[in-house]
Protein backbone atom coordinates (compact mmCIF):
# COMPACT_ATOMS: atom_id res chain seq x y z
CA MET A 1 -4.54 9.15 4.82
CA ALA A 2 -7.77 8.29 6.62
CA LEU A 3 -11.20 9.42 5.46
CA ASP A 4 -11.97 12.98 6.42
CA GLU A 5 -14.27 13.68 9.36
CA ALA A 6 -17.29 14.66 7.29
CA THR A 7 -17.15 11.45 5.26
CA THR A 8 -16.66 9.32 8.37
CA ALA A 9 -19.69 10.96 9.99
CA PHE A 10 -21.78 10.47 6.86
CA LEU A 11 -20.88 6.78 6.64
CA GLY A 12 -21.76 6.42 10.33
CA ARG A 13 -25.23 7.83 9.65
CA MET A 14 -25.68 5.46 6.75
CA ALA A 15 -24.56 2.46 8.81
CA SER A 16 -26.97 3.34 11.61
CA SER A 17 -29.89 3.24 9.17
CA GLY A 18 -29.40 -0.52 8.90
CA GLY A 19 -29.89 -0.76 5.15
CA GLU A 20 -28.78 -3.68 3.01
CA PRO A 21 -25.52 -3.54 1.06
CA LEU A 22 -26.05 -2.23 -2.45
CA HIS A 23 -25.18 -5.51 -4.12
CA GLU A 24 -28.00 -7.22 -2.21
CA MET A 25 -30.62 -4.75 -3.47
CA SER A 26 -32.71 -4.83 -6.58
CA PRO A 27 -32.20 -1.95 -9.04
CA VAL A 28 -35.53 -0.50 -7.91
CA GLU A 29 -34.45 -0.57 -4.26
CA ALA A 30 -31.12 1.03 -5.15
CA ARG A 31 -32.94 3.84 -6.93
CA VAL A 32 -35.06 4.47 -3.84
CA LEU A 33 -31.84 4.79 -1.84
CA GLY A 34 -30.60 7.34 -4.35
CA ALA A 35 -33.72 9.43 -3.84
CA ALA A 36 -33.20 9.31 -0.06
CA LEU A 37 -29.62 10.51 -0.44
CA ARG A 38 -30.86 13.38 -2.59
CA GLU A 39 -32.83 14.72 0.36
CA MET A 40 -29.59 14.89 2.34
CA TYR A 41 -27.81 16.98 -0.29
CA GLY A 42 -30.26 19.85 -0.26
CA PRO A 43 -30.66 22.34 -3.11
CA GLY A 44 -27.92 23.83 -5.22
CA PRO A 45 -27.44 27.56 -5.81
CA GLU A 46 -29.73 29.74 -7.88
CA VAL A 47 -28.81 29.86 -11.56
CA GLY A 48 -29.92 32.01 -14.46
CA SER A 49 -32.46 29.56 -15.88
CA ILE A 50 -33.42 25.90 -15.89
CA THR A 51 -35.28 24.31 -18.78
CA GLU A 52 -35.87 20.80 -20.09
CA ASP A 53 -35.92 19.42 -23.61
CA THR A 54 -35.99 16.05 -25.32
CA VAL A 55 -33.39 14.38 -27.51
CA PRO A 56 -34.41 11.78 -30.13
CA VAL A 57 -32.63 8.46 -29.61
CA ASP A 58 -32.93 5.02 -31.11
CA GLY A 59 -36.20 3.63 -29.78
CA GLY A 60 -37.58 6.82 -28.30
CA GLN A 61 -36.36 9.99 -26.64
CA ILE A 62 -34.51 11.07 -23.52
CA THR A 63 -34.74 14.20 -21.41
CA VAL A 64 -32.01 16.75 -20.85
CA ARG A 65 -32.10 19.48 -18.19
CA ILE A 66 -30.35 22.69 -19.16
CA PHE A 67 -28.86 25.06 -16.58
CA THR A 68 -27.60 28.48 -17.60
CA PRO A 69 -25.49 30.66 -15.31
CA ARG A 70 -26.50 34.12 -14.12
CA GLU A 71 -23.58 35.60 -16.03
CA PRO A 72 -22.93 35.05 -19.75
CA ALA A 73 -21.80 31.45 -20.29
CA ARG A 74 -18.10 30.92 -20.98
CA ALA A 75 -18.49 27.25 -21.85
CA LEU A 76 -21.08 24.54 -22.47
CA ILE A 77 -20.77 21.36 -20.40
CA VAL A 78 -22.51 18.13 -21.36
CA TYR A 79 -22.66 16.19 -18.08
CA TYR A 80 -23.28 12.46 -17.66
CA HIS A 81 -24.22 11.48 -14.14
CA GLY A 82 -22.83 8.56 -12.19
CA GLY A 83 -24.71 5.61 -10.75
CA GLY A 84 -23.17 2.53 -12.30
CA TRP A 85 -25.40 2.87 -15.39
CA VAL A 86 -28.19 1.55 -13.09
CA VAL A 87 -29.21 4.42 -10.79
CA GLY A 88 -29.24 8.20 -11.02
CA THR A 89 -31.81 10.77 -12.12
CA LEU A 90 -31.85 14.39 -13.18
CA ASP A 91 -33.13 15.34 -9.74
CA ASP A 92 -30.33 13.41 -8.02
CA PHE A 93 -27.71 15.48 -9.84
CA ASP A 94 -29.58 18.77 -10.01
CA PRO A 95 -27.63 20.32 -7.09
CA LEU A 96 -24.30 19.36 -8.67
CA ALA A 97 -25.31 20.74 -12.07
CA ARG A 98 -26.31 24.02 -10.41
CA GLU A 99 -22.94 24.20 -8.66
CA LEU A 100 -21.09 23.59 -11.91
CA ALA A 101 -23.12 26.19 -13.78
CA ASP A 102 -22.55 28.75 -11.04
CA ARG A 103 -18.86 28.14 -10.31
CA ALA A 104 -17.69 27.45 -13.85
CA ARG A 105 -19.90 30.15 -15.39
CA ALA A 106 -21.02 27.54 -17.87
CA ALA A 107 -24.23 26.29 -19.35
CA VAL A 108 -24.68 22.69 -18.18
CA VAL A 109 -26.74 20.06 -19.98
CA LEU A 110 -27.52 17.16 -17.66
CA VAL A 111 -28.35 14.01 -19.64
CA ASP A 112 -31.00 11.52 -18.49
CA TYR A 113 -29.67 8.51 -20.39
CA ARG A 114 -31.58 5.25 -20.11
CA LEU A 115 -30.56 2.87 -17.33
CA ALA A 116 -29.75 -0.82 -16.98
CA PRO A 117 -30.89 -3.52 -16.58
CA GLU A 118 -33.93 -2.33 -18.51
CA HIS A 119 -31.53 -0.92 -21.11
CA ARG A 120 -28.17 -2.66 -21.25
CA PHE A 121 -24.95 -1.71 -23.06
CA PRO A 122 -24.70 0.07 -25.45
CA THR A 123 -27.94 1.99 -24.79
CA ALA A 124 -26.52 4.43 -22.21
CA LEU A 125 -23.54 5.11 -24.45
CA ASP A 126 -25.65 5.61 -27.57
CA ASP A 127 -27.91 7.98 -25.62
CA ALA A 128 -24.87 9.89 -24.38
CA TRP A 129 -23.54 10.22 -27.93
CA ALA A 130 -26.92 11.35 -29.28
CA ALA A 131 -27.14 13.97 -26.54
CA LEU A 132 -23.66 15.30 -27.29
CA ARG A 133 -24.43 15.69 -30.99
CA TRP A 134 -27.81 17.29 -30.22
CA VAL A 135 -26.17 19.82 -27.90
CA ASP A 136 -23.40 20.59 -30.39
CA GLU A 137 -25.97 21.42 -33.06
CA ARG A 138 -27.63 23.88 -30.64
CA ARG A 139 -24.49 25.27 -29.01
CA GLU A 140 -25.23 28.94 -29.59
CA GLN A 141 -28.92 28.56 -28.81
CA ILE A 142 -28.19 26.92 -25.44
CA ALA A 143 -25.15 28.91 -24.33
CA GLY A 144 -25.88 32.23 -26.01
CA GLY A 145 -22.81 32.11 -28.22
CA PRO A 146 -20.14 29.91 -29.88
CA VAL A 147 -18.57 28.83 -26.59
CA PRO A 148 -16.20 25.86 -26.11
CA LEU A 149 -17.84 22.47 -25.62
CA VAL A 150 -16.82 20.34 -22.62
CA VAL A 151 -17.82 16.75 -21.94
CA ALA A 152 -17.86 15.63 -18.31
CA GLY A 153 -19.10 12.93 -15.98
CA ASP A 154 -18.51 11.05 -12.76
CA SER A 155 -18.08 7.32 -12.21
CA ALA A 156 -20.17 5.54 -14.89
CA GLY A 157 -20.80 9.01 -16.30
CA GLY A 158 -17.04 9.46 -16.48
CA ASN A 159 -16.94 6.24 -18.47
CA LEU A 160 -19.51 7.65 -20.89
CA ALA A 161 -17.66 10.97 -21.15
CA ALA A 162 -14.37 9.22 -21.94
CA VAL A 163 -15.95 7.04 -24.60
CA VAL A 164 -17.91 9.80 -26.34
CA ALA A 165 -14.67 11.79 -26.48
CA GLN A 166 -13.16 8.82 -28.32
CA ARG A 167 -16.20 8.62 -30.60
CA ALA A 168 -15.98 12.34 -31.37
CA LYS A 169 -12.38 11.88 -32.42
CA ALA A 170 -13.27 8.93 -34.67
CA ALA A 171 -16.21 10.82 -36.20
CA ASP A 172 -14.21 14.03 -36.67
CA GLY A 173 -16.54 15.92 -34.35
CA PRO A 174 -18.11 17.35 -32.30
CA ASP A 175 -15.07 19.45 -31.47
CA LEU A 176 -14.39 19.17 -27.73
CA ALA A 177 -12.31 21.68 -25.77
CA LEU A 178 -11.96 19.48 -22.68
CA GLN A 179 -12.99 16.22 -21.04
CA VAL A 180 -13.57 16.19 -17.28
CA LEU A 181 -13.47 12.68 -15.83
CA VAL A 182 -14.36 12.34 -12.15
CA TYR A 183 -13.31 8.96 -10.70
CA PRO A 184 -14.14 7.43 -14.09
CA VAL A 185 -14.82 3.74 -14.64
CA THR A 186 -12.37 2.81 -17.38
CA ASP A 187 -11.92 -0.96 -17.05
CA ALA A 188 -13.67 -4.12 -15.89
CA ASP A 189 -10.72 -5.42 -13.88
CA PHE A 190 -11.81 -6.15 -10.30
CA GLU A 191 -8.35 -7.33 -9.20
CA THR A 192 -6.47 -4.02 -9.06
CA ALA A 193 -4.84 -2.89 -5.84
CA SER A 194 -7.52 -0.26 -5.26
CA TYR A 195 -10.28 -2.83 -5.79
CA LEU A 196 -8.72 -5.20 -3.26
CA ASP A 197 -7.77 -2.63 -0.60
CA PRO A 198 -9.94 -3.17 2.52
CA GLN A 199 -9.89 0.58 3.21
CA ASN A 200 -11.75 1.20 -0.05
CA GLN A 201 -14.74 -1.05 0.70
CA LEU A 202 -17.11 1.77 1.58
CA MET A 203 -20.46 2.82 0.05
CA ILE A 204 -19.32 1.65 -3.36
CA ASP A 205 -17.23 -1.45 -2.79
CA ARG A 206 -15.95 -4.23 -5.00
CA GLU A 207 -19.19 -6.19 -4.77
CA ALA A 208 -21.25 -3.13 -5.68
CA MET A 209 -19.16 -2.48 -8.78
CA ILE A 210 -19.50 -6.10 -9.90
CA TRP A 211 -23.28 -5.72 -9.36
CA PHE A 212 -23.33 -2.62 -11.56
CA TRP A 213 -21.32 -4.29 -14.33
CA ASP A 214 -23.55 -7.39 -14.20
CA HIS A 215 -26.61 -5.26 -14.82
CA TYR A 216 -25.11 -3.07 -17.55
CA ALA A 217 -22.89 -5.54 -19.41
CA PRO A 218 -23.59 -9.11 -18.27
CA ASP A 219 -21.72 -10.60 -21.26
CA LEU A 220 -18.16 -10.93 -19.97
CA GLY A 221 -16.82 -10.92 -23.50
CA ASP A 222 -18.26 -7.46 -24.15
CA ARG A 223 -16.38 -5.94 -21.24
CA ARG A 224 -13.05 -5.84 -23.06
CA HIS A 225 -14.53 -3.67 -25.79
CA PRO A 226 -13.01 -0.16 -25.62
CA GLU A 227 -16.51 1.36 -25.64
CA LEU A 228 -17.03 -0.37 -22.30
CA SER A 229 -13.45 -0.32 -21.03
CA PRO A 230 -11.86 2.78 -22.62
CA LEU A 231 -8.55 2.00 -20.92
CA GLY A 232 -8.18 -0.76 -23.51
CA ALA A 233 -8.46 1.53 -26.54
CA SER A 234 -5.53 1.03 -28.90
CA ASP A 235 -4.94 4.72 -29.65
CA LEU A 236 -5.62 7.61 -27.26
CA SER A 237 -3.75 10.27 -29.21
CA ASP A 238 -5.44 13.45 -30.42
CA LEU A 239 -8.13 13.38 -27.76
CA PRO A 240 -9.15 16.62 -26.01
CA PRO A 241 -7.22 17.75 -22.93
CA ALA A 242 -8.35 15.95 -19.80
CA VAL A 243 -8.99 16.87 -16.19
CA VAL A 244 -9.11 13.68 -14.12
CA LEU A 245 -10.14 13.52 -10.47
CA THR A 246 -9.77 10.36 -8.39
CA ALA A 247 -10.57 9.64 -4.76
CA GLU A 248 -8.03 8.16 -2.37
CA HIS A 249 -10.42 5.58 -0.91
CA ASP A 250 -12.09 4.31 -4.07
CA VAL A 251 -12.12 0.93 -5.73
CA VAL A 252 -11.88 2.51 -9.22
CA ARG A 253 -9.01 4.83 -8.27
CA ASP A 254 -6.29 2.84 -10.03
CA GLU A 255 -8.10 2.52 -13.37
CA GLY A 256 -8.89 6.24 -13.42
CA GLU A 257 -5.24 7.08 -12.81
CA ALA A 258 -4.13 4.47 -15.34
CA TYR A 259 -6.35 6.12 -17.95
CA ALA A 260 -4.88 9.53 -17.14
CA ASP A 261 -1.40 8.05 -17.52
CA ARG A 262 -2.23 6.48 -20.89
CA LEU A 263 -3.68 9.76 -22.12
CA ALA A 264 -0.53 11.60 -21.07
CA ARG A 265 1.73 9.04 -22.73
CA ALA A 266 -0.33 9.47 -25.93
CA GLY A 267 0.47 13.17 -25.89
CA VAL A 268 -2.84 14.41 -24.48
CA PRO A 269 -2.52 17.28 -21.96
CA VAL A 270 -3.73 15.85 -18.64
CA HIS A 271 -4.24 17.34 -15.20
CA LEU A 272 -4.66 14.50 -12.69
CA ARG A 273 -5.45 15.07 -9.03
CA ARG A 274 -6.11 12.42 -6.40
CA TRP A 275 -8.45 13.74 -3.71
CA PRO A 276 -7.08 12.76 -0.27
CA GLY A 277 -9.45 11.50 2.41
CA GLN A 278 -12.35 11.08 -0.04
CA MET A 279 -14.42 8.13 -1.20
CA HIS A 280 -16.21 7.27 -4.41
CA GLY A 281 -19.22 9.55 -4.83
CA PHE A 282 -17.88 12.56 -2.95
CA PHE A 283 -18.12 14.91 -5.93
CA GLN A 284 -21.90 14.62 -6.08
CA MET A 285 -22.49 15.29 -2.38
CA VAL A 286 -22.77 19.07 -2.45
CA ASN A 287 -23.97 20.68 0.79
CA LEU A 288 -22.97 17.48 2.55
CA LEU A 289 -19.23 16.89 2.12
CA PRO A 290 -16.65 19.71 2.02
CA GLY A 291 -14.73 17.60 -0.49
CA ALA A 292 -17.56 18.15 -2.99
CA VAL A 293 -17.20 21.93 -2.69
CA ASP A 294 -13.46 21.67 -3.23
CA GLY A 295 -13.89 19.24 -6.12
CA VAL A 296 -16.34 21.44 -7.99
CA ALA A 297 -14.15 24.49 -7.39
CA HIS A 298 -11.18 22.57 -8.79
CA VAL A 299 -13.09 21.56 -11.92
CA ALA A 300 -14.29 25.14 -12.42
CA ALA A 301 -10.72 26.42 -12.07
CA GLU A 302 -9.42 23.84 -14.56
CA ILE A 303 -12.10 24.77 -17.08
CA ASP A 304 -11.14 28.41 -16.65
CA ARG A 305 -7.45 27.55 -17.04
CA GLN A 306 -8.12 25.62 -20.25
CA LEU A 307 -10.28 28.38 -21.70
CA THR A 308 -7.64 30.96 -20.84
CA ALA A 309 -4.94 28.82 -22.46
CA ASP A 310 -7.06 28.42 -25.60
CA VAL A 311 -7.57 32.16 -25.86
CA GLY A 312 -3.84 32.75 -25.40
CA ALA A 313 -3.00 30.22 -28.10
CA ALA A 314 -5.42 31.86 -30.51
CA VAL A 315 -3.93 35.34 -30.07
């Protein structure tokens, strides 16, 4: 299936701007591009409240932005944003966090983990883990009650979400009700069919992904570590149920689907959906791409389905 009309039009606008390919930019230049894209997204919906707090981490502290829904929260989502571990800010993902809080009727904690190349692996992961533990300790304070805890993220954030779910299992907590992985980066293999498909060389192409990996984890030997490439973990059993979204025209599509398959074969309940006509990054582009609206609605429905199933099992 070809890209949908909205995505094709968006890519046309980007091409007409005459900017350099991402892999030819410096990290600072790439972050400026991210800020420009944010202006195109526009604001997200009104929510009940928005506050910020700080989380102590090794070497300092990071900021989290907390969104509460207008109705009582049914869940608490810790969300790790995408951006190849190199770009992405709280403001860039503010509209998406608002959408998630509103549609899923969940409190959302958006984590401002430290970025590469200033902070290479494992800093982003350690920050993500510290934030998850901090949120778990304040679950009732943040969400207004003992609601289920969900870990979620897109792209590099999906990588972080997958790995902290594995860490939580190894550490016997925090207890996670669900992991939501949106076109997650799960491997450092740039030779998969989706990586090599010419139709997938769009905003985030093969060269861009190599650029991201080179900034975050330049040591090639590190990249096989399961905390960088969770697809390579030896045991995926007993992990929380997973909702996995992939995009049809995406270089990381195959590794995301391979991770979903490995989870399922390990006995983890998995709901995998490939989004037709979409590219990497679509989930973030609220108010811009109809696919983002559909994707957020799908995630909200899957969270609701999981919570309903949990209640039924407890009765």
